[in-house]
Amino acid sequence: MFKPAKKKPEQAVERPALPNTKELVSLKIDSDVLAFFQEDGPGWQDRINDILRAAMKNRL
């Protein structure tokens, strides 16, 4: 008669950032943005990381 109660999503575990450690994530980005970074061949993930790091540092 009643729907089962939905569980609340668990909070993300906060961990201290380890230097020079990369973490596997799933990220949705527009296909044209992905194509732009992939145009220059291998290393596109590092290029995206570099741009994100620069944006992070510029925010400070």
PDB file of N, CA and C in Angstrom:
ATOM      1  N   MET A   1       0.810  -1.172   0.000  1.00  0.00           N
ATOM      2  CA  MET A   1       0.000   0.000   0.000  1.00  0.00           C
ATOM      3  C   MET A   1       0.870   1.258   0.000  1.00  0.00           C
ATOM      4  N   PHE A   2       1.912   1.287   0.808  1.00  0.00           N
ATOM      5  CA  PHE A   2       2.819   2.436   0.860  1.00  0.00           C
ATOM      6  C   PHE A   2       4.114   2.095   0.160  1.00  0.00           C
ATOM      7  N   LYS A   3       4.707   3.091  -0.466  1.00  0.00           N
ATOM      8  CA  LYS A   3       6.016   2.899  -1.084  1.00  0.00           C
ATOM      9  C   LYS A   3       7.066   2.869   0.019  1.00  0.00           C
ATOM     10  N   PRO A   4       8.106   2.058  -0.150  1.00  0.00           N
ATOM     11  CA  PRO A   4       9.165   2.044   0.871  1.00  0.00           C
ATOM     12  C   PRO A   4       9.864   3.405   0.920  1.00  0.00           C
ATOM     13  N   ALA A   5      10.266   3.781   2.123  1.00  0.00           N
ATOM     14  CA  ALA A   5      10.963   5.060   2.301  1.00  0.00           C
ATOM     15  C   ALA A   5      12.306   5.016   1.595  1.00  0.00           C
ATOM     16  N   LYS A   6      12.646   6.129   0.953  1.00  0.00           N
ATOM     17  CA  LYS A   6      13.940   6.205   0.278  1.00  0.00           C
ATOM     18  C   LYS A   6      15.009   6.564   1.289  1.00  0.00           C
ATOM     19  N   LYS A   7      16.147   5.907   1.161  1.00  0.00           N
ATOM     20  CA  LYS A   7      17.266   6.213   2.045  1.00  0.00           C
ATOM     21  C   LYS A   7      17.936   7.491   1.580  1.00  0.00           C
ATOM     22  N   LYS A   8      18.423   8.273   2.511  1.00  0.00           N
ATOM     23  CA  LYS A   8      19.177   9.471   2.163  1.00  0.00           C
ATOM     24  C   LYS A   8      20.536   9.041   1.648  1.00  0.00           C
ATOM     25  N   PRO A   9      21.055   9.722   0.601  1.00  0.00           N
ATOM     26  CA  PRO A   9      22.389   9.360   0.118  1.00  0.00           C
ATOM     27  C   PRO A   9      23.437   9.610   1.198  1.00  0.00           C
ATOM     28  N   GLU A  10      24.399   8.736   1.236  1.00  0.00           N
ATOM     29  CA  GLU A  10      25.462   8.878   2.225  1.00  0.00           C
ATOM     30  C   GLU A  10      26.342  10.069   1.888  1.00  0.00           C
ATOM     31  N   GLN A  11      26.822  10.750   2.908  1.00  0.00           N
ATOM     32  CA  GLN A  11      27.726  11.873   2.728  1.00  0.00           C
ATOM     33  C   GLN A  11      29.052  11.356   2.181  1.00  0.00           C
ATOM     34  N   ALA A  12      29.672  12.156   1.327  1.00  0.00           N
ATOM     35  CA  ALA A  12      30.984  11.797   0.796  1.00  0.00           C
ATOM     36  C   ALA A  12      31.995  11.773   1.937  1.00  0.00           C
ATOM     37  N   VAL A  13      32.879  10.829   1.887  1.00  0.00           N
ATOM     38  CA  VAL A  13      33.907  10.715   2.914  1.00  0.00           C
ATOM     39  C   VAL A  13      34.974  11.761   2.639  1.00  0.00           C
ATOM     40  N   GLU A  14      35.222  12.597   3.621  1.00  0.00           N
ATOM     41  CA  GLU A  14      36.251  13.630   3.472  1.00  0.00           C
ATOM     42  C   GLU A  14      37.603  13.004   3.785  1.00  0.00           C
ATOM     43  N   ARG A  15      38.501  13.099   2.821  1.00  0.00           N
ATOM     44  CA  ARG A  15      39.847  12.564   3.002  1.00  0.00           C
ATOM     45  C   ARG A  15      40.837  13.666   2.712  1.00  0.00           C
ATOM     46  N   PRO A  16      41.935  13.678   3.418  1.00  0.00           N
ATOM     47  CA  PRO A  16      42.952  14.686   3.092  1.00  0.00           C
ATOM     48  C   PRO A  16      43.521  14.412   1.705  1.00  0.00           C
ATOM     49  N   ALA A  17      43.740  15.470   0.967  1.00  0.00           N
ATOM     50  CA  ALA A  17      44.290  15.325  -0.379  1.00  0.00           C
ATOM     51  C   ALA A  17      45.746  14.904  -0.305  1.00  0.00           C
ATOM     52  N   LEU A  18      46.092  13.869  -1.017  1.00  0.00           N
ATOM     53  CA  LEU A  18      47.477  13.423  -1.083  1.00  0.00           C
ATOM     54  C   LEU A  18      48.120  14.071  -2.300  1.00  0.00           C
ATOM     55  N   PRO A  19      49.313  14.609  -2.135  1.00  0.00           N
ATOM     56  CA  PRO A  19      49.956  15.264  -3.277  1.00  0.00           C
ATOM     57  C   PRO A  19      50.267  14.273  -4.395  1.00  0.00           C
ATOM     58  N   ASN A  20      50.105  14.731  -5.626  1.00  0.00           N
ATOM     59  CA  ASN A  20      50.424  13.943  -6.822  1.00  0.00           C
ATOM     60  C   ASN A  20      49.656  12.624  -6.913  1.00  0.00           C
ATOM     61  N   THR A  21      48.438  12.610  -6.388  1.00  0.00           N
ATOM     62  CA  THR A  21      47.596  11.431  -6.476  1.00  0.00           C
ATOM     63  C   THR A  21      46.383  11.774  -7.328  1.00  0.00           C
ATOM     64  N   LYS A  22      46.088  10.936  -8.286  1.00  0.00           N
ATOM     65  CA  LYS A  22      44.933  11.172  -9.147  1.00  0.00           C
ATOM     66  C   LYS A  22      43.824  10.207  -8.760  1.00  0.00           C
ATOM     67  N   GLU A  23      42.603  10.657  -8.928  1.00  0.00           N
ATOM     68  CA  GLU A  23      41.454   9.857  -8.560  1.00  0.00           C
ATOM     69  C   GLU A  23      40.557   9.679  -9.782  1.00  0.00           C
ATOM     70  N   LEU A  24      40.088   8.469  -9.984  1.00  0.00           N
ATOM     71  CA  LEU A  24      39.212   8.176 -11.102  1.00  0.00           C
ATOM     72  C   LEU A  24      37.817   8.709 -10.792  1.00  0.00           C
ATOM     73  N   VAL A  25      37.281   9.549 -11.686  1.00  0.00           N
ATOM     74  CA  VAL A  25      35.937  10.105 -11.518  1.00  0.00           C
ATOM     75  C   VAL A  25      35.186  10.012 -12.841  1.00  0.00           C
ATOM     76  N   SER A  26      33.898  10.160 -12.762  1.00  0.00           N
ATOM     77  CA  SER A  26      33.068  10.255 -13.953  1.00  0.00           C
ATOM     78  C   SER A  26      32.602  11.697 -14.039  1.00  0.00           C
ATOM     79  N   LEU A  27      32.796  12.313 -15.192  1.00  0.00           N
ATOM     80  CA  LEU A  27      32.503  13.730 -15.357  1.00  0.00           C
ATOM     81  C   LEU A  27      31.760  13.924 -16.667  1.00  0.00           C
ATOM     82  N   LYS A  28      30.639  14.618 -16.609  1.00  0.00           N
ATOM     83  CA  LYS A  28      29.884  14.896 -17.828  1.00  0.00           C
ATOM     84  C   LYS A  28      30.273  16.273 -18.339  1.00  0.00           C
ATOM     85  N   ILE A  29      30.788  16.304 -19.574  1.00  0.00           N
ATOM     86  CA  ILE A  29      31.127  17.571 -20.215  1.00  0.00           C
ATOM     87  C   ILE A  29      30.544  17.562 -21.624  1.00  0.00           C
ATOM     88  N   ASP A  30      30.360  18.737 -22.180  1.00  0.00           N
ATOM     89  CA  ASP A  30      29.800  18.841 -23.531  1.00  0.00           C
ATOM     90  C   ASP A  30      30.740  18.179 -24.539  1.00  0.00           C
ATOM     91  N   SER A  31      30.153  17.574 -25.561  1.00  0.00           N
ATOM     92  CA  SER A  31      30.950  16.832 -26.546  1.00  0.00           C
ATOM     93  C   SER A  31      31.917  17.735 -27.302  1.00  0.00           C
ATOM     94  N   ASP A  32      31.551  19.001 -27.539  1.00  0.00           N
ATOM     95  CA  ASP A  32      32.477  19.886 -28.256  1.00  0.00           C
ATOM     96  C   ASP A  32      33.673  20.256 -27.384  1.00  0.00           C
ATOM     97  N   VAL A  33      33.463  20.333 -26.071  1.00  0.00           N
ATOM     98  CA  VAL A  33      34.570  20.610 -25.155  1.00  0.00           C
ATOM     99  C   VAL A  33      35.516  19.413 -25.142  1.00  0.00           C
ATOM    100  N   LEU A  34      34.972  18.225 -25.074  1.00  0.00           N
ATOM    101  CA  LEU A  34      35.788  17.016 -25.099  1.00  0.00           C
ATOM    102  C   LEU A  34      36.577  16.925 -26.403  1.00  0.00           C
ATOM    103  N   ALA A  35      35.917  17.188 -27.528  1.00  0.00           N
ATOM    104  CA  ALA A  35      36.591  17.135 -28.824  1.00  0.00           C
ATOM    105  C   ALA A  35      37.744  18.132 -28.893  1.00  0.00           C
ATOM    106  N   PHE A  36      37.543  19.312 -28.323  1.00  0.00           N
ATOM    107  CA  PHE A  36      38.592  20.328 -28.307  1.00  0.00           C
ATOM    108  C   PHE A  36      39.847  19.812 -27.614  1.00  0.00           C
ATOM    109  N   PHE A  37      39.684  19.204 -26.450  1.00  0.00           N
ATOM    110  CA  PHE A  37      40.850  18.711 -25.711  1.00  0.00           C
ATOM    111  C   PHE A  37      41.457  17.468 -26.360  1.00  0.00           C
ATOM    112  N   GLN A  38      40.658  16.678 -27.033  1.00  0.00           N
ATOM    113  CA  GLN A  38      41.171  15.464 -27.667  1.00  0.00           C
ATOM    114  C   GLN A  38      41.844  15.735 -29.011  1.00  0.00           C
ATOM    115  N   GLU A  39      41.634  16.921 -29.583  1.00  0.00           N
ATOM    116  CA  GLU A  39      42.222  17.256 -30.891  1.00  0.00           C
ATOM    117  C   GLU A  39      43.731  17.072 -30.934  1.00  0.00           C
ATOM    118  N   ASP A  40      44.410  17.390 -29.859  1.00  0.00           N
ATOM    119  CA  ASP A  40      45.872  17.317 -29.827  1.00  0.00           C
ATOM    120  C   ASP A  40      46.388  15.935 -29.454  1.00  0.00           C
ATOM    121  N   GLY A  41      45.501  14.952 -29.362  1.00  0.00           N
ATOM    122  CA  GLY A  41      45.926  13.583 -29.122  1.00  0.00           C
ATOM    123  C   GLY A  41      46.069  13.227 -27.651  1.00  0.00           C
ATOM    124  N   PRO A  42      46.876  12.189 -27.392  1.00  0.00           N
ATOM    125  CA  PRO A  42      47.037  11.707 -26.018  1.00  0.00           C
ATOM    126  C   PRO A  42      47.462  12.821 -25.069  1.00  0.00           C
ATOM    127  N   GLY A  43      47.015  12.664 -23.837  1.00  0.00           N
ATOM    128  CA  GLY A  43      47.316  13.667 -22.821  1.00  0.00           C
ATOM    129  C   GLY A  43      46.163  14.631 -22.595  1.00  0.00           C
ATOM    130  N   TRP A  44      45.028  14.380 -23.255  1.00  0.00           N
ATOM    131  CA  TRP A  44      43.895  15.307 -23.142  1.00  0.00           C
ATOM    132  C   TRP A  44      43.360  15.385 -21.724  1.00  0.00           C
ATOM    133  N   GLN A  45      43.410  14.283 -20.980  1.00  0.00           N
ATOM    134  CA  GLN A  45      42.942  14.319 -19.590  1.00  0.00           C
ATOM    135  C   GLN A  45      43.859  15.195 -18.743  1.00  0.00           C
ATOM    136  N   ASP A  46      45.155  15.123 -19.000  1.00  0.00           N
ATOM    137  CA  ASP A  46      46.098  15.988 -18.276  1.00  0.00           C
ATOM    138  C   ASP A  46      45.873  17.456 -18.627  1.00  0.00           C
ATOM    139  N   ARG A  47      45.543  17.726 -19.883  1.00  0.00           N
ATOM    140  CA  ARG A  47      45.275  19.116 -20.278  1.00  0.00           C
ATOM    141  C   ARG A  47      44.027  19.659 -19.579  1.00  0.00           C
ATOM    142  N   ILE A  48      42.990  18.831 -19.483  1.00  0.00           N
ATOM    143  CA  ILE A  48      41.797  19.258 -18.747  1.00  0.00           C
ATOM    144  C   ILE A  48      42.152  19.497 -17.291  1.00  0.00           C
ATOM    145  N   ASN A  49      42.932  18.619 -16.703  1.00  0.00           N
ATOM    146  CA  ASN A  49      43.356  18.770 -15.309  1.00  0.00           C
ATOM    147  C   ASN A  49      44.134  20.073 -15.117  1.00  0.00           C
ATOM    148  N   ASP A  50      45.025  20.383 -16.059  1.00  0.00           N
ATOM    149  CA  ASP A  50      45.817  21.620 -15.968  1.00  0.00           C
ATOM    150  C   ASP A  50      44.925  22.859 -16.000  1.00  0.00           C
ATOM    151  N   ILE A  51      43.917  22.853 -16.877  1.00  0.00           N
ATOM    152  CA  ILE A  51      42.997  23.987 -16.969  1.00  0.00           C
ATOM    153  C   ILE A  51      42.186  24.124 -15.680  1.00  0.00           C
ATOM    154  N   LEU A  52      41.712  23.008 -15.147  1.00  0.00           N
ATOM    155  CA  LEU A  52      40.948  23.050 -13.899  1.00  0.00           C
ATOM    156  C   LEU A  52      41.814  23.525 -12.731  1.00  0.00           C
ATOM    157  N   ARG A  53      43.084  23.090 -12.704  1.00  0.00           N
ATOM    158  CA  ARG A  53      43.980  23.530 -11.640  1.00  0.00           C
ATOM    159  C   ARG A  53      44.224  25.038 -11.731  1.00  0.00           C
ATOM    160  N   ALA A  54      44.430  25.558 -12.943  1.00  0.00           N
ATOM    161  CA  ALA A  54      44.639  26.993 -13.125  1.00  0.00           C
ATOM    162  C   ALA A  54      43.404  27.767 -12.667  1.00  0.00           C
ATOM    163  N   ALA A  55      42.203  27.270 -12.998  1.00  0.00           N
ATOM    164  CA  ALA A  55      40.972  27.937 -12.563  1.00  0.00           C
ATOM    165  C   ALA A  55      40.867  27.904 -11.045  1.00  0.00           C
ATOM    166  N   MET A  56      41.260  26.795 -10.431  1.00  0.00           N
ATOM    167  CA  MET A  56      41.223  26.671  -8.988  1.00  0.00           C
ATOM    168  C   MET A  56      42.163  27.680  -8.332  1.00  0.00           C
ATOM    169  N   LYS A  57      43.386  27.815  -8.876  1.00  0.00           N
ATOM    170  CA  LYS A  57      44.373  28.735  -8.305  1.00  0.00           C
ATOM    171  C   LYS A  57      43.964  30.195  -8.511  1.00  0.00           C
ATOM    172  N   ASN A  58      43.340  30.498  -9.640  1.00  0.00           N
ATOM    173  CA  ASN A  58      42.910  31.866  -9.917  1.00  0.00           C
ATOM    174  C   ASN A  58      41.767  32.307  -9.010  1.00  0.00           C
ATOM    175  N   ARG A  59      41.066  31.368  -8.457  1.00  0.00           N
ATOM    176  CA  ARG A  59      39.954  31.691  -7.567  1.00  0.00           C
ATOM    177  C   ARG A  59      40.444  32.213  -6.230  1.00  0.00           C
ATOM    178  N   LEU A  60      41.632  31.813  -5.844  1.00  0.00           N
ATOM    179  CA  LEU A  60      42.175  32.226  -4.525  1.00  0.00           C
ATOM    180  C   LEU A  60      42.545  33.669  -4.493  1.00  0.00           C
TER     181      LEU A  60
END
